[in-house]
Every structure is written in structure tokens, then in C-alpha cells.
Amino acid sequence: MAEKKGVPIIVSTLPTNILTTRLTKVLEDAFAPSTSMHGVLVEVFGVGILIIGKSGVGKSECALELIERGHRLVADDVVDIRSIGGTFLIGSGAKLIRHHMEIRGLGIININHLFGVGAIRDKKQIQLVVNLEDWAEKKEYDRLGLEESVYAILGVEVPLLTIPVGPGRNIPILIETAAMNFRLHKLGYNTAK
């Protein structure tokens, strides 16, 4: 009868409380609100960092240098994002281009083949957003770390840092420092305050 009506039936040897907990998680993941964004998602010192900015600002090149330094690529160019329980975000790579990067002048490269399985990750919680923008002479940038900005994705607010890009600026080391500083903040230590 269930087959005729198209109603699934679940049979399990698991205790009811364990089955419902596992099913709830699976269903929550499957039906979570989602979106896709242009950017690069990397794991730096265990912190999931979504790098955004206009096309050509150097997001992929920055991520490539971070991978060379031992960090992990989650997604390049298109980041698929899901809101889990409306409290945190999980990012992953689009299936067609997962574990690949497009680098101007080199073309498409396979990070798994070039750097090994330790340089990739299938998904990661987005804990920090870094916006790379061209250095603007007349713009005032936060120099003390007192300004706290957020970036909202699917209604979830994530801490946002804006890093100006200019000649001689080592963006990968700035992002590594931002990741370590983020971890310190989580431990309750804020140098600026």
C-alpha cells in the first residue's frame, strides 16, 4: 500500500532515539536553505575562510599560495553554501569543478593531483569572510582591529575582514594571521581591546 501511494517506509534495527537523531540530521542537511557564491573557500589553521572580491583581484592566486603553505582548498570560483539550522554555514565545491582551480595564465589545475589528498577538503564551516579589494588611496581602513563587521549569507552573520590588495602586500600571510587572530578571539583574547 505504501508503494502505491509513494510513501517511504524506514525499517531499522537501531533504537528509535538513535534512528530519529540520525534521520533528523540527514533530513536537515538535505533540505537546508542553500545558495552559491563566487569566491574561494579554504581551511587555514582549522578556520574556514571564504575569500570574496571582484573578479581578477587575486582570490585564486592567494588560495594557491595558502595551499602551497600547507592549508586546504574546499572550493574555488563557485562555493555552494548551506545554512544548517539557521546558525552556521557549510561550504563545499560545485561537483563539476570540485578540487580544481582556475588560475589565469595556467588554466585549470587539479589540486588533489598536484598537492595530494592532504591539500583538499570536501566541505567546511564558513567561520570568517575575507573581502579582497583594490587599495583605494582615499579610503580609511581599520588599523587597530576595533571595527567588527559582519557578512550575512542566508541570514547567518559571519565576521568580515576587508583586506586592501596592493603592490608588495603579502595577502596569504595576512589571511594566515587573520585565521590565527580569529582563533584567539574565540579563546577570549582580543589584542585591540
Protein backbone atom coordinates (compact mmCIF):
# COMPACT_ATOMS: atom_id res chain seq x y z
CA MET A 1 0.00 0.00 0.00
CA ALA A 2 2.83 2.43 0.85
CA GLU A 3 4.41 1.72 -2.53
CA LYS A 4 1.16 2.54 -4.34
CA LYS A 5 0.87 5.86 -2.51
CA GLY A 6 4.59 6.69 -2.91
CA VAL A 7 5.19 6.80 0.83
CA PRO A 8 8.63 5.67 2.03
CA ILE A 9 8.88 3.22 4.91
CA ILE A 10 12.02 3.02 7.00
CA VAL A 11 12.95 -0.22 8.69
CA SER A 12 15.89 -0.27 11.06
CA THR A 13 17.40 -2.33 13.83
CA LEU A 14 18.56 0.86 15.55
CA PRO A 15 16.81 2.03 18.71
CA THR A 16 14.18 4.70 17.97
CA ASN A 17 16.06 7.56 19.66
CA ILE A 18 19.25 6.90 17.67
CA LEU A 19 17.35 6.44 14.40
CA THR A 20 15.38 9.67 14.80
CA THR A 21 18.53 11.63 15.71
CA ARG A 22 20.36 10.35 12.63
CA LEU A 23 17.35 10.84 10.35
CA THR A 24 16.83 14.38 11.62
CA LYS A 25 20.44 15.26 10.77
CA VAL A 26 20.20 13.72 7.29
CA LEU A 27 16.91 15.48 6.55
CA GLU A 28 18.16 18.79 7.98
CA ASP A 29 21.22 18.62 5.71
CA ALA A 30 19.19 17.56 2.66
CA PHE A 31 16.59 20.32 3.00
CA ALA A 32 18.79 23.13 4.35
CA PRO A 33 18.47 26.53 2.63
CA SER A 34 21.28 26.89 0.11
CA THR A 35 22.91 29.29 -2.29
CA SER A 36 26.03 29.56 -4.45
CA MET A 37 28.60 32.35 -4.31
CA HIS A 38 31.57 33.49 -6.33
CA GLY A 39 34.69 33.13 -4.21
CA VAL A 40 37.22 30.71 -2.77
CA LEU A 41 36.77 28.66 0.40
CA VAL A 42 39.91 27.50 2.18
CA GLU A 43 40.74 25.99 5.55
CA VAL A 44 43.57 27.92 7.21
CA PHE A 45 44.81 26.68 10.61
CA GLY A 46 41.46 24.91 11.00
CA VAL A 47 39.39 28.04 10.25
CA GLY A 48 37.01 28.02 7.28
CA ILE A 49 37.67 31.25 5.36
CA LEU A 50 35.55 32.41 2.42
CA ILE A 51 37.61 34.76 0.26
CA ILE A 52 35.48 37.12 -1.82
CA GLY A 53 36.18 40.09 -4.08
CA LYS A 54 35.75 41.24 -7.62
CA SER A 55 36.94 39.10 -10.50
CA GLY A 56 40.68 39.35 -11.06
CA VAL A 57 41.57 40.70 -7.59
CA GLY A 58 43.69 37.60 -6.84
CA LYS A 59 41.46 35.27 -4.81
CA SER A 60 42.60 32.07 -6.53
CA GLU A 61 46.28 33.03 -6.56
CA CYS A 62 46.07 33.81 -2.85
CA ALA A 63 44.41 30.44 -2.19
CA LEU A 64 47.07 28.67 -4.27
CA GLU A 65 49.80 30.20 -2.10
CA LEU A 66 47.89 29.15 1.04
CA ILE A 67 47.72 25.58 -0.31
CA GLU A 68 51.46 25.70 -1.01
CA ARG A 69 51.92 26.67 2.66
CA GLY A 70 50.04 23.53 3.78
CA HIS A 71 46.45 24.74 4.06
CA ARG A 72 43.45 23.16 2.33
CA LEU A 73 41.21 24.04 -0.61
CA VAL A 74 37.50 23.45 -0.23
CA ALA A 75 36.16 25.29 -3.29
CA ASP A 76 37.35 27.68 -5.99
CA ASP A 77 35.24 30.00 -8.13
CA VAL A 78 31.81 28.62 -7.14
CA VAL A 79 31.14 27.89 -3.47
CA ASP A 80 27.94 26.00 -2.65
CA ILE A 81 26.68 27.11 0.77
CA ARG A 82 24.06 25.56 3.07
CA SER A 83 22.62 27.08 6.23
CA ILE A 84 22.41 24.43 8.94
CA GLY A 85 19.72 25.15 11.49
CA GLY A 86 19.97 28.86 10.69
CA THR A 87 23.03 29.09 12.94
CA PHE A 88 26.06 28.19 10.84
CA LEU A 89 27.11 27.78 7.20
CA ILE A 90 28.73 24.83 5.45
CA GLY A 91 30.54 25.46 2.17
CA SER A 92 31.56 22.94 -0.48
CA GLY A 93 32.76 22.87 -4.05
CA ALA A 94 30.45 22.50 -7.02
CA LYS A 95 30.59 18.85 -8.13
CA LEU A 96 31.81 19.59 -11.65
CA ILE A 97 34.86 21.60 -10.51
CA ARG A 98 35.49 20.17 -7.03
CA HIS A 99 39.19 20.19 -6.05
CA HIS A 100 40.11 22.18 -9.16
CA MET A 101 41.26 25.78 -9.53
CA GLU A 102 41.29 28.14 -12.47
CA ILE A 103 44.46 30.23 -12.49
CA ARG A 104 44.86 32.89 -15.15
CA GLY A 105 47.86 32.02 -17.30
CA LEU A 106 47.90 28.36 -16.17
CA GLY A 107 44.33 27.25 -16.83
CA ILE A 108 42.51 24.59 -14.81
CA ILE A 109 44.65 22.73 -12.27
CA ASN A 110 43.76 19.70 -10.12
CA ILE A 111 44.80 20.44 -6.54
CA ASN A 112 44.39 16.81 -5.43
CA HIS A 113 46.78 15.59 -8.14
CA LEU A 114 49.31 18.41 -7.68
CA PHE A 115 49.43 18.65 -3.87
CA GLY A 116 47.84 15.42 -2.64
CA VAL A 117 44.78 14.49 -0.64
CA GLY A 118 46.01 16.49 2.37
CA ALA A 119 45.53 19.73 0.41
CA ILE A 120 41.79 19.31 -0.15
CA ARG A 121 38.62 19.10 1.86
CA ASP A 122 35.09 18.32 0.67
CA LYS A 123 33.28 20.75 2.97
CA LYS A 124 33.97 23.18 5.79
CA GLN A 125 32.10 25.51 8.09
CA ILE A 126 32.44 29.14 6.97
CA GLN A 127 33.74 30.97 10.05
CA LEU A 128 35.29 34.09 8.53
CA VAL A 129 34.77 36.08 5.32
CA VAL A 130 37.72 37.99 3.84
CA ASN A 131 36.90 40.58 1.20
CA LEU A 132 39.86 41.41 -1.05
CA GLU A 133 39.57 44.81 -2.69
CA ASP A 134 41.90 47.05 -4.67
CA TRP A 135 43.71 49.53 -2.44
CA ALA A 136 41.89 52.88 -2.51
CA GLU A 137 44.12 55.82 -1.55
CA LYS A 138 41.28 57.90 -0.11
CA LYS A 139 39.58 55.10 1.82
CA GLU A 140 40.16 54.77 5.56
CA TYR A 141 40.99 51.20 6.53
CA ASP A 142 40.74 49.81 10.07
CA ARG A 143 44.24 49.96 11.52
CA LEU A 144 43.54 48.92 15.11
CA GLY A 145 41.17 45.98 14.72
CA LEU A 146 38.42 47.69 16.70
CA GLU A 147 35.82 47.70 13.93
CA GLU A 148 33.82 44.49 13.81
CA SER A 149 31.95 43.94 10.56
CA VAL A 150 29.75 41.02 9.55
CA TYR A 151 28.70 39.48 6.25
CA ALA A 152 25.26 37.86 6.06
CA ILE A 153 24.72 34.73 3.98
CA LEU A 154 21.31 33.02 4.11
CA GLY A 155 20.51 35.09 7.20
CA VAL A 156 23.60 33.89 9.09
CA GLU A 157 26.11 36.58 10.06
CA VAL A 158 29.80 35.76 9.72
CA PRO A 159 32.71 38.02 10.81
CA LEU A 160 34.04 40.05 7.85
CA LEU A 161 37.52 41.45 7.25
CA THR A 162 38.33 43.72 4.32
CA ILE A 163 41.92 43.47 3.14
CA PRO A 164 43.16 46.01 0.60
CA VAL A 165 45.27 44.50 -2.18
CA GLY A 166 48.22 46.48 -3.48
CA PRO A 167 51.80 46.10 -4.68
CA GLY A 168 54.06 44.48 -2.11
CA ARG A 169 51.26 43.29 0.19
CA ASN A 170 51.59 39.62 1.12
CA ILE A 171 47.90 38.66 1.19
CA PRO A 172 48.39 34.95 2.08
CA ILE A 173 50.32 35.84 5.25
CA LEU A 174 47.65 38.40 6.16
CA ILE A 175 44.98 35.71 5.80
CA GLU A 176 47.04 33.28 7.91
CA THR A 177 47.35 35.97 10.57
CA ALA A 178 43.60 36.67 10.36
CA ALA A 179 42.91 32.95 10.94
CA MET A 180 45.18 32.83 14.00
CA ASN A 181 43.66 36.06 15.33
CA PHE A 182 40.16 34.60 14.81
CA ARG A 183 41.15 31.59 16.91
CA LEU A 184 42.49 33.87 19.64
CA HIS A 185 39.20 35.81 19.64
CA LYS A 186 37.32 32.52 20.12
CA LEU A 187 39.51 31.90 23.18
CA GLY A 188 38.51 35.32 24.55
CA TYR A 189 41.71 37.19 23.71
CA ASN A 190 41.44 40.42 21.68
CA THR A 191 44.65 42.43 21.35
CA ALA A 192 42.85 45.55 20.10
CA LYS A 193 40.67 45.75 23.21
